[in-house]
């Protein structure tokens, strides 16, 4: 069961770019939660994904010598949902911007994202994506003040 959770029920097995597939797998349910219940519900969902993801990732890392197996993508789901917390409400432009910014920060690993990624544990594996999501959320929050209001309903 922990392997299924850590891989987002197989999304981590898709190639190329399992992290991108994991982020995409989280996009639709996260967007639905945002549309139905708002950003605070998405934040709560991100906390739940983080807790369950950390638990599953800890168990799976104990079974392998690989410090960061590419098939573990529950961390991308949690980070993607953190990024969507920066949106005031549902809108496809905002959700796609959250996805693009999250992937940008997750792939390039600036500053604290890279530091967390180098920790080599379930905590580091989860934390780098949570920080990437938080950076994306901050950028989205700032963009609301400079872009047309219809982009962020």
C-alpha atoms as a PDB file:
ATOM      1  CA  UNK A   1       0.000   0.000   0.000  1.00  0.00           C
ATOM      2  CA  UNK A   2       2.821   2.445   0.777  1.00  0.00           C
ATOM      3  CA  UNK A   3       4.245   1.982  -2.732  1.00  0.00           C
ATOM      4  CA  UNK A   4       0.862   2.802  -4.283  1.00  0.00           C
ATOM      5  CA  UNK A   5       0.559   5.944  -2.166  1.00  0.00           C
ATOM      6  CA  UNK A   6       4.155   7.084  -2.735  1.00  0.00           C
ATOM      7  CA  UNK A   7       3.775   6.628  -6.507  1.00  0.00           C
ATOM      8  CA  UNK A   8       0.339   8.314  -6.605  1.00  0.00           C
ATOM      9  CA  UNK A   9      -1.168   5.019  -7.689  1.00  0.00           C
ATOM     10  CA  UNK A  10       1.250   4.551 -10.576  1.00  0.00           C
ATOM     11  CA  UNK A  11       1.688   8.126 -11.837  1.00  0.00           C
ATOM     12  CA  UNK A  12       5.336   7.914 -10.754  1.00  0.00           C
ATOM     13  CA  UNK A  13       5.893   5.090 -13.240  1.00  0.00           C
ATOM     14  CA  UNK A  14       5.041   7.266 -16.247  1.00  0.00           C
ATOM     15  CA  UNK A  15       7.894   8.465 -18.417  1.00  0.00           C
ATOM     16  CA  UNK A  16       9.433  10.819 -19.240  1.00  0.00           C
ATOM     17  CA  UNK A  17       9.378  13.138 -16.262  1.00  0.00           C
ATOM     18  CA  UNK A  18       7.615  11.236 -13.467  1.00  0.00           C
ATOM     19  CA  UNK A  19       7.617  14.398 -11.317  1.00  0.00           C
ATOM     20  CA  UNK A  20       5.682  16.267 -13.988  1.00  0.00           C
ATOM     21  CA  UNK A  21       3.204  13.384 -14.273  1.00  0.00           C
ATOM     22  CA  UNK A  22       2.791  13.364 -10.500  1.00  0.00           C
ATOM     23  CA  UNK A  23       2.134  17.108 -10.528  1.00  0.00           C
ATOM     24  CA  UNK A  24      -0.424  16.681 -13.327  1.00  0.00           C
ATOM     25  CA  UNK A  25      -2.124  13.847 -11.426  1.00  0.00           C
ATOM     26  CA  UNK A  26      -2.537  16.209  -8.464  1.00  0.00           C
ATOM     27  CA  UNK A  27      -3.704  19.130 -10.607  1.00  0.00           C
ATOM     28  CA  UNK A  28      -7.300  18.061 -11.315  1.00  0.00           C
ATOM     29  CA  UNK A  29      -8.284  16.964  -7.780  1.00  0.00           C
ATOM     30  CA  UNK A  30      -6.534  20.035  -6.361  1.00  0.00           C
ATOM     31  CA  UNK A  31      -8.353  22.317  -8.822  1.00  0.00           C
ATOM     32  CA  UNK A  32     -11.668  20.635  -7.965  1.00  0.00           C
ATOM     33  CA  UNK A  33     -11.039  21.149  -4.253  1.00  0.00           C
ATOM     34  CA  UNK A  34     -10.127  24.784  -4.918  1.00  0.00           C
ATOM     35  CA  UNK A  35     -13.306  25.300  -6.960  1.00  0.00           C
ATOM     36  CA  UNK A  36     -15.590  23.591  -4.451  1.00  0.00           C
ATOM     37  CA  UNK A  37     -14.121  24.680  -1.139  1.00  0.00           C
ATOM     38  CA  UNK A  38     -11.440  27.348  -1.664  1.00  0.00           C
ATOM     39  CA  UNK A  39      -7.756  27.766  -0.866  1.00  0.00           C
ATOM     40  CA  UNK A  40      -8.037  26.891   2.831  1.00  0.00           C
ATOM     41  CA  UNK A  41      -9.393  23.464   1.900  1.00  0.00           C
ATOM     42  CA  UNK A  42      -6.503  22.999  -0.519  1.00  0.00           C
ATOM     43  CA  UNK A  43      -4.094  23.950   2.289  1.00  0.00           C
ATOM     44  CA  UNK A  44      -5.709  21.336   4.527  1.00  0.00           C
ATOM     45  CA  UNK A  45      -5.445  18.791   1.736  1.00  0.00           C
ATOM     46  CA  UNK A  46      -1.764  19.646   1.301  1.00  0.00           C
ATOM     47  CA  UNK A  47      -1.179  19.014   5.007  1.00  0.00           C
ATOM     48  CA  UNK A  48      -2.911  15.636   4.726  1.00  0.00           C
ATOM     49  CA  UNK A  49      -0.951  14.727   1.568  1.00  0.00           C
ATOM     50  CA  UNK A  50       2.262  15.731   3.320  1.00  0.00           C
ATOM     51  CA  UNK A  51       1.570  13.580   6.379  1.00  0.00           C
ATOM     52  CA  UNK A  52       0.497  10.524   4.399  1.00  0.00           C
ATOM     53  CA  UNK A  53       3.256  11.098   1.848  1.00  0.00           C
ATOM     54  CA  UNK A  54       5.960  11.366   4.486  1.00  0.00           C
ATOM     55  CA  UNK A  55       4.734   8.139   6.110  1.00  0.00           C
ATOM     56  CA  UNK A  56       4.643   6.220   2.806  1.00  0.00           C
ATOM     57  CA  UNK A  57       7.944   7.679   1.610  1.00  0.00           C
ATOM     58  CA  UNK A  58       9.698   6.777   4.873  1.00  0.00           C
ATOM     59  CA  UNK A  59       8.580   3.157   4.488  1.00  0.00           C
ATOM     60  CA  UNK A  60       9.570   2.972   0.823  1.00  0.00           C
ATOM     61  CA  UNK A  61      13.000   4.565   1.336  1.00  0.00           C
ATOM     62  CA  UNK A  62      13.732   1.897   3.964  1.00  0.00           C
ATOM     63  CA  UNK A  63      13.332  -0.716   1.204  1.00  0.00           C
ATOM     64  CA  UNK A  64      15.815   0.803  -1.252  1.00  0.00           C
ATOM     65  CA  UNK A  65      19.336   2.193  -1.375  1.00  0.00           C
ATOM     66  CA  UNK A  66      18.182   4.990  -3.712  1.00  0.00           C
ATOM     67  CA  UNK A  67      17.972   8.258  -1.731  1.00  0.00           C
ATOM     68  CA  UNK A  68      15.467   9.825  -4.151  1.00  0.00           C
ATOM     69  CA  UNK A  69      13.600   7.259  -6.261  1.00  0.00           C
ATOM     70  CA  UNK A  70      12.041   9.028  -9.233  1.00  0.00           C
ATOM     71  CA  UNK A  71       8.847   6.982  -8.948  1.00  0.00           C
ATOM     72  CA  UNK A  72       8.000   8.593  -5.581  1.00  0.00           C
ATOM     73  CA  UNK A  73       5.772  11.504  -6.596  1.00  0.00           C
ATOM     74  CA  UNK A  74       3.454  12.031  -3.620  1.00  0.00           C
ATOM     75  CA  UNK A  75       5.787  14.913  -2.753  1.00  0.00           C
ATOM     76  CA  UNK A  76       4.939  16.579  -6.076  1.00  0.00           C
ATOM     77  CA  UNK A  77       1.235  16.287  -5.270  1.00  0.00           C
ATOM     78  CA  UNK A  78       1.700  17.974  -1.900  1.00  0.00           C
ATOM     79  CA  UNK A  79       3.855  20.719  -3.431  1.00  0.00           C
ATOM     80  CA  UNK A  80       1.389  21.285  -6.256  1.00  0.00           C
ATOM     81  CA  UNK A  81      -1.425  21.767  -3.761  1.00  0.00           C
ATOM     82  CA  UNK A  82       0.706  24.193  -1.719  1.00  0.00           C
ATOM     83  CA  UNK A  83       1.243  26.199  -4.926  1.00  0.00           C
ATOM     84  CA  UNK A  84      -2.535  26.388  -5.488  1.00  0.00           C
ATOM     85  CA  UNK A  85      -2.986  27.900  -2.019  1.00  0.00           C
ATOM     86  CA  UNK A  86      -1.661  31.111  -3.606  1.00  0.00           C
ATOM     87  CA  UNK A  87      -4.816  31.376  -5.725  1.00  0.00           C
ATOM     88  CA  UNK A  88      -7.828  33.258  -4.348  1.00  0.00           C
ATOM     89  CA  UNK A  89     -10.306  31.031  -6.218  1.00  0.00           C
ATOM     90  CA  UNK A  90     -10.515  28.550  -9.053  1.00  0.00           C
ATOM     91  CA  UNK A  91      -9.646  29.663 -12.563  1.00  0.00           C
ATOM     92  CA  UNK A  92      -7.809  27.644 -15.201  1.00  0.00           C
ATOM     93  CA  UNK A  93      -5.297  30.421 -15.929  1.00  0.00           C
ATOM     94  CA  UNK A  94      -4.328  30.540 -12.261  1.00  0.00           C
ATOM     95  CA  UNK A  95      -4.200  26.752 -11.883  1.00  0.00           C
ATOM     96  CA  UNK A  96      -1.989  26.407 -14.956  1.00  0.00           C
ATOM     97  CA  UNK A  97       0.234  29.226 -13.670  1.00  0.00           C
ATOM     98  CA  UNK A  98       0.507  27.384 -10.338  1.00  0.00           C
ATOM     99  CA  UNK A  99       1.545  24.233 -12.206  1.00  0.00           C
ATOM    100  CA  UNK A 100       4.139  26.057 -14.342  1.00  0.00           C
ATOM    101  CA  UNK A 101       5.653  27.942 -11.405  1.00  0.00           C
ATOM    102  CA  UNK A 102       5.731  24.871  -9.181  1.00  0.00           C
ATOM    103  CA  UNK A 103       7.486  22.797 -11.855  1.00  0.00           C
ATOM    104  CA  UNK A 104       9.938  25.663 -12.527  1.00  0.00           C
ATOM    105  CA  UNK A 105      10.955  25.868  -8.863  1.00  0.00           C
ATOM    106  CA  UNK A 106      10.956  22.078  -8.430  1.00  0.00           C
ATOM    107  CA  UNK A 107      13.196  21.502 -11.451  1.00  0.00           C
ATOM    108  CA  UNK A 108      15.617  24.427 -11.008  1.00  0.00           C
ATOM    109  CA  UNK A 109      15.783  24.025  -7.199  1.00  0.00           C
ATOM    110  CA  UNK A 110      16.694  27.590  -6.226  1.00  0.00           C
ATOM    111  CA  UNK A 111      18.110  28.294  -2.745  1.00  0.00           C
ATOM    112  CA  UNK A 112      16.125  26.535  -0.028  1.00  0.00           C
ATOM    113  CA  UNK A 113      14.568  24.080  -2.500  1.00  0.00           C
ATOM    114  CA  UNK A 114      18.022  22.770  -3.417  1.00  0.00           C
ATOM    115  CA  UNK A 115      19.072  22.675   0.238  1.00  0.00           C
ATOM    116  CA  UNK A 116      16.052  20.539   1.156  1.00  0.00           C
ATOM    117  CA  UNK A 117      16.624  18.277  -1.841  1.00  0.00           C
ATOM    118  CA  UNK A 118      20.161  17.502  -0.644  1.00  0.00           C
ATOM    119  CA  UNK A 119      18.997  16.269   2.783  1.00  0.00           C
ATOM    120  CA  UNK A 120      18.577  12.684   1.563  1.00  0.00           C
ATOM    121  CA  UNK A 121      15.698  11.542   3.734  1.00  0.00           C
ATOM    122  CA  UNK A 122      11.924  11.331   3.517  1.00  0.00           C
ATOM    123  CA  UNK A 123      11.791  14.737   5.184  1.00  0.00           C
ATOM    124  CA  UNK A 124      14.112  16.292   2.588  1.00  0.00           C
ATOM    125  CA  UNK A 125      12.331  14.514  -0.241  1.00  0.00           C
ATOM    126  CA  UNK A 126       8.995  15.989   0.856  1.00  0.00           C
ATOM    127  CA  UNK A 127      10.342  19.358   1.987  1.00  0.00           C
ATOM    128  CA  UNK A 128      11.916  20.411  -1.320  1.00  0.00           C
ATOM    129  CA  UNK A 129       8.542  20.170  -3.056  1.00  0.00           C
ATOM    130  CA  UNK A 130       6.722  21.922  -0.225  1.00  0.00           C
ATOM    131  CA  UNK A 131       9.191  24.812  -0.438  1.00  0.00           C
ATOM    132  CA  UNK A 132       8.893  24.898  -4.254  1.00  0.00           C
ATOM    133  CA  UNK A 133       5.108  25.027  -3.817  1.00  0.00           C
ATOM    134  CA  UNK A 134       5.381  27.820  -1.254  1.00  0.00           C
ATOM    135  CA  UNK A 135       7.590  29.857  -3.603  1.00  0.00           C
ATOM    136  CA  UNK A 136       5.070  29.349  -6.408  1.00  0.00           C
ATOM    137  CA  UNK A 137       2.225  30.397  -4.078  1.00  0.00           C
ATOM    138  CA  UNK A 138       4.107  33.573  -3.132  1.00  0.00           C
ATOM    139  CA  UNK A 139       4.678  34.469  -6.789  1.00  0.00           C
ATOM    140  CA  UNK A 140       1.002  33.813  -7.566  1.00  0.00           C
ATOM    141  CA  UNK A 141      -0.051  35.964  -4.645  1.00  0.00           C
ATOM    142  CA  UNK A 142       2.144  38.805  -5.926  1.00  0.00           C
ATOM    143  CA  UNK A 143       0.926  38.426  -9.509  1.00  0.00           C
ATOM    144  CA  UNK A 144      -2.624  39.139  -8.345  1.00  0.00           C
ATOM    145  CA  UNK A 145      -1.569  42.743  -7.824  1.00  0.00           C
ATOM    146  CA  UNK A 146      -0.087  43.300 -11.294  1.00  0.00           C
ATOM    147  CA  UNK A 147      -2.153  41.155 -13.680  1.00  0.00           C
ATOM    148  CA  UNK A 148      -5.710  41.778 -14.843  1.00  0.00           C
ATOM    149  CA  UNK A 149      -8.295  40.658 -12.266  1.00  0.00           C
ATOM    150  CA  UNK A 150      -9.942  38.206 -14.694  1.00  0.00           C
ATOM    151  CA  UNK A 151      -6.754  36.093 -14.608  1.00  0.00           C
ATOM    152  CA  UNK A 152      -7.261  35.451 -10.898  1.00  0.00           C
ATOM    153  CA  UNK A 153     -11.019  35.490 -10.198  1.00  0.00           C
END
